[in-house]
Amino acid sequence: VIPAPVIHIESYSEDSISFSLKMTTNIKVSGYVVNIYWTFDTHRQEKRTLTIEGEKSIQKVANLTAHTPYEISAWAKTELGDSPLSFVHVVTSGTRPASPSLKAKAINQTAVECSWTGPRDVVYGIFYATSFLELYRSPHNSTTTSHNITVLVQRDEQYLFLV
């Protein structure tokens, strides 16, 4: 039986998490697959996937958001096959930034101007869809460092926007 890898949180800060991965077995490990999940608002779950080569590993994931819950899952790739998943949860330190105040205004039947308030020098994600289900599962999206963006939409549809 292949055991699940051990994920140990080494440290965390406002914008990063460092963790180590190891296996408690003599089975040869060729690498790990790690997923980091977090949720924006209550509608949009995001994921970052890391593919890591080698048996033992300490990883640092940066560009995270302060005071945000993250779930890290990992499995090992071994000579006998993939291991089961293991999970760990951590909340970054600091104060979570205030949610931006979004305004969306139709320019014409196929373009919407989105603008918002918020801190400078950060990356904003704009998500939009025609239903809450689509907004959660597979929204259209774009990123920008500015405080406005024009998005193209289908005519004769109503859209939900999230920044």
N, C-alpha and C. Protein backbone atom coordinates (compact mmCIF):
# COMPACT_ATOMS: atom_id res chain seq x y z
N VAL A 1 0.85 -1.18 0.00
CA VAL A 1 0.00 0.00 0.00
C VAL A 1 0.89 1.23 0.00
N ILE A 2 0.56 2.17 -0.87
CA ILE A 2 1.30 3.43 -0.95
C ILE A 2 0.66 4.41 0.04
N PRO A 3 1.43 4.96 0.99
CA PRO A 3 0.83 5.93 1.91
C PRO A 3 0.71 7.31 1.27
N ALA A 4 -0.15 8.15 1.85
CA ALA A 4 -0.26 9.55 1.40
C ALA A 4 0.97 10.31 1.87
N PRO A 5 1.39 11.33 1.14
CA PRO A 5 2.54 12.12 1.57
C PRO A 5 2.19 12.95 2.81
N VAL A 6 3.22 13.34 3.53
CA VAL A 6 3.06 14.22 4.68
C VAL A 6 3.34 15.64 4.21
N ILE A 7 2.36 16.52 4.44
CA ILE A 7 2.53 17.95 4.13
C ILE A 7 2.73 18.65 5.46
N HIS A 8 3.85 19.35 5.61
CA HIS A 8 4.12 20.08 6.85
C HIS A 8 4.28 21.57 6.53
N ILE A 9 3.47 22.41 7.17
CA ILE A 9 3.59 23.86 6.98
C ILE A 9 4.83 24.32 7.74
N GLU A 10 5.82 24.82 7.01
CA GLU A 10 7.06 25.30 7.62
C GLU A 10 6.88 26.72 8.16
N SER A 11 6.22 27.57 7.37
CA SER A 11 5.96 28.96 7.79
C SER A 11 4.92 29.56 6.86
N TYR A 12 4.34 30.69 7.30
CA TYR A 12 3.42 31.43 6.45
C TYR A 12 3.46 32.89 6.85
N SER A 13 3.07 33.75 5.91
CA SER A 13 3.06 35.19 6.15
C SER A 13 1.79 35.76 5.51
N GLU A 14 1.76 37.06 5.32
CA GLU A 14 0.60 37.70 4.69
C GLU A 14 0.41 37.26 3.24
N ASP A 15 1.53 36.97 2.55
CA ASP A 15 1.43 36.72 1.11
C ASP A 15 2.13 35.45 0.64
N SER A 16 2.52 34.57 1.58
CA SER A 16 3.18 33.33 1.14
C SER A 16 3.00 32.21 2.16
N ILE A 17 3.19 30.98 1.68
CA ILE A 17 3.17 29.78 2.51
C ILE A 17 4.35 28.92 2.09
N SER A 18 5.14 28.46 3.07
CA SER A 18 6.22 27.51 2.80
C SER A 18 5.83 26.18 3.43
N PHE A 19 6.01 25.10 2.68
CA PHE A 19 5.64 23.78 3.18
C PHE A 19 6.63 22.75 2.67
N SER A 20 6.71 21.64 3.41
CA SER A 20 7.57 20.53 2.99
C SER A 20 6.71 19.32 2.67
N LEU A 21 7.24 18.47 1.81
CA LEU A 21 6.58 17.23 1.40
C LEU A 21 7.54 16.08 1.64
N LYS A 22 7.02 14.99 2.21
CA LYS A 22 7.86 13.80 2.33
C LYS A 22 6.95 12.58 2.42
N MET A 23 7.55 11.43 2.13
CA MET A 23 6.85 10.16 2.22
C MET A 23 7.45 9.34 3.36
N THR A 24 6.59 8.62 4.06
CA THR A 24 7.05 7.76 5.15
C THR A 24 7.09 6.31 4.66
N THR A 25 7.85 6.10 3.59
CA THR A 25 7.96 4.76 3.00
C THR A 25 9.28 4.66 2.24
N ASN A 26 9.67 3.46 1.92
CA ASN A 26 10.87 3.24 1.12
C ASN A 26 10.57 3.17 -0.37
N ILE A 27 9.32 3.34 -0.75
CA ILE A 27 8.94 3.34 -2.16
C ILE A 27 9.57 4.56 -2.83
N LYS A 28 10.18 4.35 -4.00
CA LYS A 28 10.83 5.46 -4.71
C LYS A 28 9.79 6.45 -5.23
N VAL A 29 10.01 7.73 -4.89
CA VAL A 29 9.12 8.81 -5.30
C VAL A 29 9.79 9.59 -6.42
N SER A 30 9.05 9.79 -7.51
CA SER A 30 9.60 10.58 -8.63
C SER A 30 9.17 12.05 -8.55
N GLY A 31 8.13 12.33 -7.79
CA GLY A 31 7.68 13.72 -7.66
C GLY A 31 6.33 13.80 -6.98
N TYR A 32 5.81 15.03 -6.93
CA TYR A 32 4.53 15.30 -6.28
C TYR A 32 3.70 16.21 -7.18
N VAL A 33 2.39 16.11 -7.02
CA VAL A 33 1.46 17.06 -7.62
C VAL A 33 0.74 17.73 -6.46
N VAL A 34 0.80 19.06 -6.43
CA VAL A 34 0.23 19.83 -5.33
C VAL A 34 -0.80 20.80 -5.90
N ASN A 35 -1.97 20.84 -5.26
CA ASN A 35 -2.99 21.83 -5.60
C ASN A 35 -3.21 22.73 -4.41
N ILE A 36 -3.26 24.04 -4.66
CA ILE A 36 -3.56 25.03 -3.63
C ILE A 36 -4.89 25.65 -4.02
N TYR A 37 -5.88 25.54 -3.12
CA TYR A 37 -7.23 26.06 -3.37
C TYR A 37 -7.54 27.22 -2.44
N TRP A 38 -8.28 28.19 -2.95
CA TRP A 38 -8.81 29.27 -2.13
C TRP A 38 -10.08 29.78 -2.79
N THR A 39 -10.90 30.50 -2.02
CA THR A 39 -12.18 30.96 -2.52
C THR A 39 -12.24 32.48 -2.48
N PHE A 40 -12.60 33.09 -3.60
CA PHE A 40 -12.90 34.51 -3.65
C PHE A 40 -14.36 34.69 -3.34
N ASP A 41 -14.66 35.66 -2.47
CA ASP A 41 -16.05 35.92 -2.11
C ASP A 41 -16.62 34.57 -1.65
N THR A 42 -17.78 34.18 -2.07
CA THR A 42 -18.27 32.83 -1.80
C THR A 42 -18.63 32.16 -3.11
N HIS A 43 -18.26 32.78 -4.22
CA HIS A 43 -18.74 32.31 -5.52
C HIS A 43 -17.67 31.66 -6.38
N ARG A 44 -16.41 32.00 -6.18
CA ARG A 44 -15.39 31.58 -7.13
C ARG A 44 -14.23 30.90 -6.43
N GLN A 45 -14.04 29.61 -6.69
CA GLN A 45 -12.91 28.89 -6.14
C GLN A 45 -11.77 28.91 -7.14
N GLU A 46 -10.59 29.24 -6.66
CA GLU A 46 -9.40 29.30 -7.50
C GLU A 46 -8.47 28.15 -7.13
N LYS A 47 -7.58 27.80 -8.06
CA LYS A 47 -6.65 26.71 -7.82
C LYS A 47 -5.34 27.03 -8.51
N ARG A 48 -4.24 26.70 -7.85
CA ARG A 48 -2.92 26.75 -8.46
C ARG A 48 -2.33 25.35 -8.34
N THR A 49 -1.79 24.81 -9.43
CA THR A 49 -1.22 23.46 -9.42
C THR A 49 0.29 23.54 -9.59
N LEU A 50 1.00 22.80 -8.75
CA LEU A 50 2.46 22.71 -8.84
C LEU A 50 2.83 21.27 -9.13
N THR A 51 3.74 21.06 -10.07
CA THR A 51 4.31 19.73 -10.32
C THR A 51 5.75 19.79 -9.85
N ILE A 52 6.07 18.95 -8.88
CA ILE A 52 7.38 19.01 -8.22
C ILE A 52 8.13 17.72 -8.48
N GLU A 53 9.36 17.83 -8.93
CA GLU A 53 10.21 16.66 -9.18
C GLU A 53 11.01 16.33 -7.94
N GLY A 54 11.28 15.06 -7.71
CA GLY A 54 12.15 14.64 -6.61
C GLY A 54 11.39 14.06 -5.44
N GLU A 55 12.18 13.50 -4.47
CA GLU A 55 11.60 12.79 -3.34
C GLU A 55 11.22 13.69 -2.17
N LYS A 56 12.10 14.59 -1.77
CA LYS A 56 11.81 15.50 -0.66
C LYS A 56 11.80 16.91 -1.20
N SER A 57 10.95 17.71 -0.61
CA SER A 57 10.80 19.02 -1.20
C SER A 57 10.31 20.04 -0.19
N ILE A 58 10.89 21.23 -0.22
CA ILE A 58 10.33 22.38 0.50
C ILE A 58 9.96 23.40 -0.56
N GLN A 59 8.72 23.83 -0.53
CA GLN A 59 8.20 24.76 -1.53
C GLN A 59 7.71 26.03 -0.86
N LYS A 60 7.84 27.15 -1.58
CA LYS A 60 7.27 28.41 -1.13
C LYS A 60 6.33 28.89 -2.22
N VAL A 61 5.08 29.16 -1.84
CA VAL A 61 4.08 29.68 -2.75
C VAL A 61 3.85 31.14 -2.38
N ALA A 62 4.08 32.04 -3.32
CA ALA A 62 3.97 33.48 -3.05
C ALA A 62 2.77 34.07 -3.79
N ASN A 63 2.62 35.37 -3.70
CA ASN A 63 1.53 36.12 -4.33
C ASN A 63 0.17 35.67 -3.82
N LEU A 64 0.08 35.43 -2.52
CA LEU A 64 -1.18 35.05 -1.90
C LEU A 64 -1.82 36.27 -1.24
N THR A 65 -3.03 36.10 -0.72
CA THR A 65 -3.78 37.19 -0.11
C THR A 65 -3.76 37.04 1.40
N ALA A 66 -3.59 38.16 2.10
CA ALA A 66 -3.55 38.16 3.57
C ALA A 66 -4.87 37.67 4.16
N HIS A 67 -4.78 37.00 5.29
CA HIS A 67 -5.91 36.51 6.08
C HIS A 67 -6.94 35.76 5.22
N THR A 68 -6.42 34.82 4.42
CA THR A 68 -7.25 34.02 3.53
C THR A 68 -7.01 32.54 3.80
N PRO A 69 -8.08 31.74 3.92
CA PRO A 69 -7.90 30.29 4.11
C PRO A 69 -7.44 29.63 2.80
N TYR A 70 -6.43 28.78 2.91
CA TYR A 70 -5.92 28.01 1.78
C TYR A 70 -5.96 26.53 2.13
N GLU A 71 -6.28 25.70 1.15
CA GLU A 71 -6.21 24.26 1.31
C GLU A 71 -5.13 23.75 0.37
N ILE A 72 -4.20 22.98 0.92
CA ILE A 72 -3.13 22.39 0.12
C ILE A 72 -3.37 20.88 0.08
N SER A 73 -3.45 20.34 -1.12
CA SER A 73 -3.56 18.89 -1.27
C SER A 73 -2.38 18.41 -2.10
N ALA A 74 -1.95 17.19 -1.83
CA ALA A 74 -0.80 16.66 -2.56
C ALA A 74 -0.90 15.15 -2.68
N TRP A 75 -0.35 14.64 -3.77
CA TRP A 75 -0.15 13.20 -3.90
C TRP A 75 1.21 12.99 -4.53
N ALA A 76 1.76 11.82 -4.23
CA ALA A 76 3.10 11.48 -4.73
C ALA A 76 2.98 10.58 -5.95
N LYS A 77 3.91 10.78 -6.88
CA LYS A 77 4.05 9.89 -8.02
C LYS A 77 5.19 8.92 -7.68
N THR A 78 4.88 7.63 -7.62
CA THR A 78 5.89 6.65 -7.22
C THR A 78 6.08 5.61 -8.31
N GLU A 79 7.08 4.75 -8.08
CA GLU A 79 7.34 3.67 -9.03
C GLU A 79 6.21 2.65 -9.07
N LEU A 80 5.35 2.64 -8.03
CA LEU A 80 4.23 1.71 -7.98
C LEU A 80 2.90 2.35 -8.35
N GLY A 81 2.91 3.65 -8.64
CA GLY A 81 1.68 4.37 -8.97
C GLY A 81 1.51 5.60 -8.09
N ASP A 82 0.36 6.23 -8.20
CA ASP A 82 0.10 7.45 -7.44
C ASP A 82 -0.38 7.12 -6.04
N SER A 83 0.02 7.94 -5.09
CA SER A 83 -0.40 7.77 -3.70
C SER A 83 -1.79 8.38 -3.50
N PRO A 84 -2.41 8.09 -2.35
CA PRO A 84 -3.64 8.82 -2.00
C PRO A 84 -3.33 10.29 -1.73
N LEU A 85 -4.37 11.10 -1.70
CA LEU A 85 -4.24 12.52 -1.41
C LEU A 85 -4.05 12.77 0.07
N SER A 86 -3.31 13.80 0.40
CA SER A 86 -3.28 14.31 1.77
C SER A 86 -3.62 15.80 1.70
N PHE A 87 -4.14 16.32 2.80
CA PHE A 87 -4.63 17.70 2.84
C PHE A 87 -4.10 18.40 4.08
N VAL A 88 -3.93 19.71 3.96
CA VAL A 88 -3.62 20.56 5.10
C VAL A 88 -4.28 21.91 4.84
N HIS A 89 -4.70 22.58 5.91
CA HIS A 89 -5.33 23.90 5.79
C HIS A 89 -4.51 24.92 6.55
N VAL A 90 -4.42 26.12 6.00
CA VAL A 90 -3.69 27.21 6.66
C VAL A 90 -4.35 28.53 6.27
N VAL A 91 -4.33 29.48 7.21
CA VAL A 91 -4.84 30.83 6.95
C VAL A 91 -3.65 31.77 6.99
N THR A 92 -3.44 32.52 5.93
CA THR A 92 -2.34 33.47 5.90
C THR A 92 -2.56 34.54 6.97
N SER A 93 -1.47 35.14 7.42
CA SER A 93 -1.54 36.14 8.48
C SER A 93 -1.92 37.50 7.91
N GLY A 94 -2.05 38.48 8.78
CA GLY A 94 -2.34 39.84 8.36
C GLY A 94 -3.82 40.13 8.27
N THR A 95 -4.13 41.25 7.66
CA THR A 95 -5.50 41.71 7.50
C THR A 95 -5.90 41.58 6.04
N ARG A 96 -7.01 40.94 5.81
CA ARG A 96 -7.49 40.76 4.44
C ARG A 96 -7.84 42.13 3.84
N PRO A 97 -7.41 42.39 2.60
CA PRO A 97 -7.75 43.67 1.98
C PRO A 97 -9.27 43.81 1.82
N ALA A 98 -9.73 45.04 1.88
CA ALA A 98 -11.15 45.31 1.69
C ALA A 98 -11.56 44.91 0.28
N SER A 99 -12.77 44.42 0.14
CA SER A 99 -13.28 44.07 -1.18
C SER A 99 -13.42 45.32 -2.03
N PRO A 100 -13.05 45.26 -3.29
CA PRO A 100 -13.23 46.42 -4.16
C PRO A 100 -14.71 46.72 -4.35
N SER A 101 -14.99 47.98 -4.60
CA SER A 101 -16.36 48.41 -4.89
C SER A 101 -16.50 48.48 -6.41
N LEU A 102 -17.28 47.56 -6.97
CA LEU A 102 -17.37 47.39 -8.43
C LEU A 102 -18.58 48.12 -8.99
N LYS A 103 -18.36 48.78 -10.13
CA LYS A 103 -19.45 49.35 -10.91
C LYS A 103 -19.32 48.83 -12.33
N ALA A 104 -20.43 48.35 -12.88
CA ALA A 104 -20.44 47.85 -14.26
C ALA A 104 -21.47 48.65 -15.04
N LYS A 105 -21.05 49.18 -16.19
CA LYS A 105 -21.93 50.01 -17.01
C LYS A 105 -21.85 49.55 -18.46
N ALA A 106 -23.02 49.27 -19.04
CA ALA A 106 -23.06 48.85 -20.44
C ALA A 106 -22.68 50.02 -21.34
N ILE A 107 -21.73 49.79 -22.23
CA ILE A 107 -21.34 50.80 -23.22
C ILE A 107 -22.23 50.67 -24.45
N ASN A 108 -22.44 49.43 -24.86
CA ASN A 108 -23.36 49.12 -25.96
C ASN A 108 -23.88 47.70 -25.72
N GLN A 109 -24.42 47.03 -26.73
CA GLN A 109 -25.01 45.71 -26.53
C GLN A 109 -23.99 44.60 -26.29
N THR A 110 -22.72 44.86 -26.60
CA THR A 110 -21.72 43.80 -26.45
C THR A 110 -20.49 44.22 -25.64
N ALA A 111 -20.50 45.36 -25.00
CA ALA A 111 -19.35 45.81 -24.21
C ALA A 111 -19.82 46.40 -22.89
N VAL A 112 -19.11 46.03 -21.82
CA VAL A 112 -19.41 46.53 -20.48
C VAL A 112 -18.13 47.11 -19.89
N GLU A 113 -18.23 48.32 -19.39
CA GLU A 113 -17.10 48.97 -18.73
C GLU A 113 -17.19 48.68 -17.24
N CYS A 114 -16.19 48.01 -16.70
CA CYS A 114 -16.14 47.69 -15.27
C CYS A 114 -15.07 48.58 -14.62
N SER A 115 -15.41 49.20 -13.51
CA SER A 115 -14.45 50.00 -12.76
C SER A 115 -14.65 49.72 -11.28
N TRP A 116 -13.59 49.92 -10.49
CA TRP A 116 -13.65 49.59 -9.07
C TRP A 116 -12.62 50.40 -8.31
N THR A 117 -12.76 50.38 -7.00
CA THR A 117 -11.80 51.02 -6.11
C THR A 117 -10.97 49.93 -5.45
N GLY A 118 -9.80 50.30 -4.98
CA GLY A 118 -8.95 49.33 -4.30
C GLY A 118 -7.50 49.77 -4.34
N PRO A 119 -6.63 49.00 -3.68
CA PRO A 119 -5.22 49.37 -3.62
C PRO A 119 -4.54 49.32 -4.99
N ARG A 120 -3.47 50.08 -5.11
CA ARG A 120 -2.65 50.08 -6.33
C ARG A 120 -1.63 48.95 -6.27
N ASP A 121 -0.99 48.68 -7.39
CA ASP A 121 0.11 47.71 -7.48
C ASP A 121 -0.30 46.29 -7.07
N VAL A 122 -1.53 45.92 -7.39
CA VAL A 122 -1.98 44.54 -7.20
C VAL A 122 -2.63 44.08 -8.49
N VAL A 123 -2.81 42.78 -8.63
CA VAL A 123 -3.48 42.23 -9.80
C VAL A 123 -4.93 41.95 -9.42
N TYR A 124 -5.84 42.44 -10.23
CA TYR A 124 -7.27 42.20 -10.03
C TYR A 124 -7.76 41.17 -11.03
N GLY A 125 -8.64 40.31 -10.57
CA GLY A 125 -9.30 39.36 -11.45
C GLY A 125 -10.75 39.78 -11.62
N ILE A 126 -11.21 39.83 -12.84
CA ILE A 126 -12.60 40.16 -13.15
C ILE A 126 -13.25 38.90 -13.69
N PHE A 127 -14.33 38.48 -13.02
CA PHE A 127 -15.04 37.27 -13.40
C PHE A 127 -16.46 37.65 -13.77
N TYR A 128 -16.99 37.05 -14.82
CA TYR A 128 -18.36 37.36 -15.22
C TYR A 128 -18.99 36.16 -15.90
N ALA A 129 -20.32 36.06 -15.69
CA ALA A 129 -21.07 34.92 -16.21
C ALA A 129 -22.55 35.28 -16.23
N THR A 130 -23.35 34.43 -16.85
CA THR A 130 -24.79 34.68 -16.96
C THR A 130 -25.59 34.04 -15.83
N SER A 131 -24.93 33.27 -14.94
CA SER A 131 -25.62 32.67 -13.79
C SER A 131 -24.63 32.50 -12.65
N PHE A 132 -25.15 32.34 -11.42
CA PHE A 132 -24.28 32.09 -10.29
C PHE A 132 -23.52 30.77 -10.45
N LEU A 133 -24.19 29.77 -11.00
CA LEU A 133 -23.54 28.48 -11.21
C LEU A 133 -22.35 28.62 -12.17
N GLU A 134 -22.56 29.31 -13.27
CA GLU A 134 -21.46 29.53 -14.22
C GLU A 134 -20.37 30.40 -13.60
N LEU A 135 -20.77 31.39 -12.78
CA LEU A 135 -19.80 32.25 -12.12
C LEU A 135 -18.90 31.44 -11.20
N TYR A 136 -19.45 30.41 -10.57
CA TYR A 136 -18.68 29.55 -9.67
C TYR A 136 -17.86 28.52 -10.44
N ARG A 137 -18.46 27.89 -11.43
CA ARG A 137 -17.79 26.77 -12.11
C ARG A 137 -16.85 27.17 -13.23
N SER A 138 -17.29 28.05 -14.13
CA SER A 138 -16.46 28.36 -15.30
C SER A 138 -16.77 29.74 -15.85
N PRO A 139 -16.44 30.78 -15.09
CA PRO A 139 -16.74 32.12 -15.57
C PRO A 139 -15.76 32.57 -16.65
N HIS A 140 -16.17 33.57 -17.41
CA HIS A 140 -15.23 34.29 -18.25
C HIS A 140 -14.38 35.11 -17.28
N ASN A 141 -13.12 35.34 -17.61
CA ASN A 141 -12.32 36.14 -16.68
C ASN A 141 -11.20 36.85 -17.40
N SER A 142 -10.70 37.86 -16.72
CA SER A 142 -9.59 38.64 -17.22
C SER A 142 -8.86 39.20 -16.01
N THR A 143 -7.59 39.54 -16.16
CA THR A 143 -6.84 40.15 -15.07
C THR A 143 -6.24 41.46 -15.55
N THR A 144 -6.03 42.36 -14.60
CA THR A 144 -5.43 43.65 -14.91
C THR A 144 -4.87 44.25 -13.63
N THR A 145 -3.91 45.16 -13.77
CA THR A 145 -3.39 45.91 -12.63
C THR A 145 -4.03 47.29 -12.53
N SER A 146 -4.87 47.63 -13.49
CA SER A 146 -5.55 48.93 -13.44
C SER A 146 -6.86 48.80 -12.67
N HIS A 147 -7.62 49.87 -12.61
CA HIS A 147 -8.88 49.89 -11.88
C HIS A 147 -10.09 49.93 -12.80
N ASN A 148 -9.89 49.57 -14.06
CA ASN A 148 -11.02 49.46 -14.97
C ASN A 148 -10.64 48.57 -16.15
N ILE A 149 -11.68 48.02 -16.76
CA ILE A 149 -11.48 47.17 -17.93
C ILE A 149 -12.81 47.12 -18.70
N THR A 150 -12.71 47.01 -20.00
CA THR A 150 -13.90 46.82 -20.83
C THR A 150 -13.93 45.35 -21.25
N VAL A 151 -15.04 44.68 -20.96
CA VAL A 151 -15.18 43.27 -21.33
C VAL A 151 -16.24 43.14 -22.41
N LEU A 152 -16.01 42.19 -23.30
CA LEU A 152 -16.96 41.93 -24.38
C LEU A 152 -17.89 40.79 -23.96
N VAL A 153 -19.18 40.99 -24.17
CA VAL A 153 -20.20 40.02 -23.77
C VAL A 153 -21.11 39.72 -24.95
N GLN A 154 -21.95 38.69 -24.77
CA GLN A 154 -22.93 38.35 -25.80
C GLN A 154 -24.13 39.28 -25.68
N ARG A 155 -24.69 39.67 -26.80
CA ARG A 155 -25.86 40.53 -26.76
C ARG A 155 -27.07 39.76 -26.23
N ASP A 156 -28.02 40.47 -25.70
CA ASP A 156 -29.29 39.91 -25.18
C ASP A 156 -29.08 38.94 -24.04
N GLU A 157 -28.08 39.15 -23.20
CA GLU A 157 -27.82 38.33 -22.01
C GLU A 157 -27.65 39.26 -20.80
N GLN A 158 -28.01 38.78 -19.64
CA GLN A 158 -27.72 39.50 -18.40
C GLN A 158 -26.50 38.85 -17.76
N TYR A 159 -25.61 39.65 -17.20
CA TYR A 159 -24.37 39.13 -16.64
C TYR A 159 -24.21 39.51 -15.18
N LEU A 160 -23.52 38.64 -14.44
CA LEU A 160 -23.08 38.89 -13.07
C LEU A 160 -21.58 39.16 -13.14
N PHE A 161 -21.12 40.15 -12.38
CA PHE A 161 -19.70 40.51 -12.38
C PHE A 161 -19.15 40.41 -10.98
N LEU A 162 -17.88 40.02 -10.87
CA LEU A 162 -17.18 39.91 -9.60
C LEU A 162 -15.75 40.36 -9.84
N VAL A 163 -15.20 41.21 -8.96
CA VAL A 163 -13.80 41.62 -9.08
C VAL A 163 -13.10 41.29 -7.78
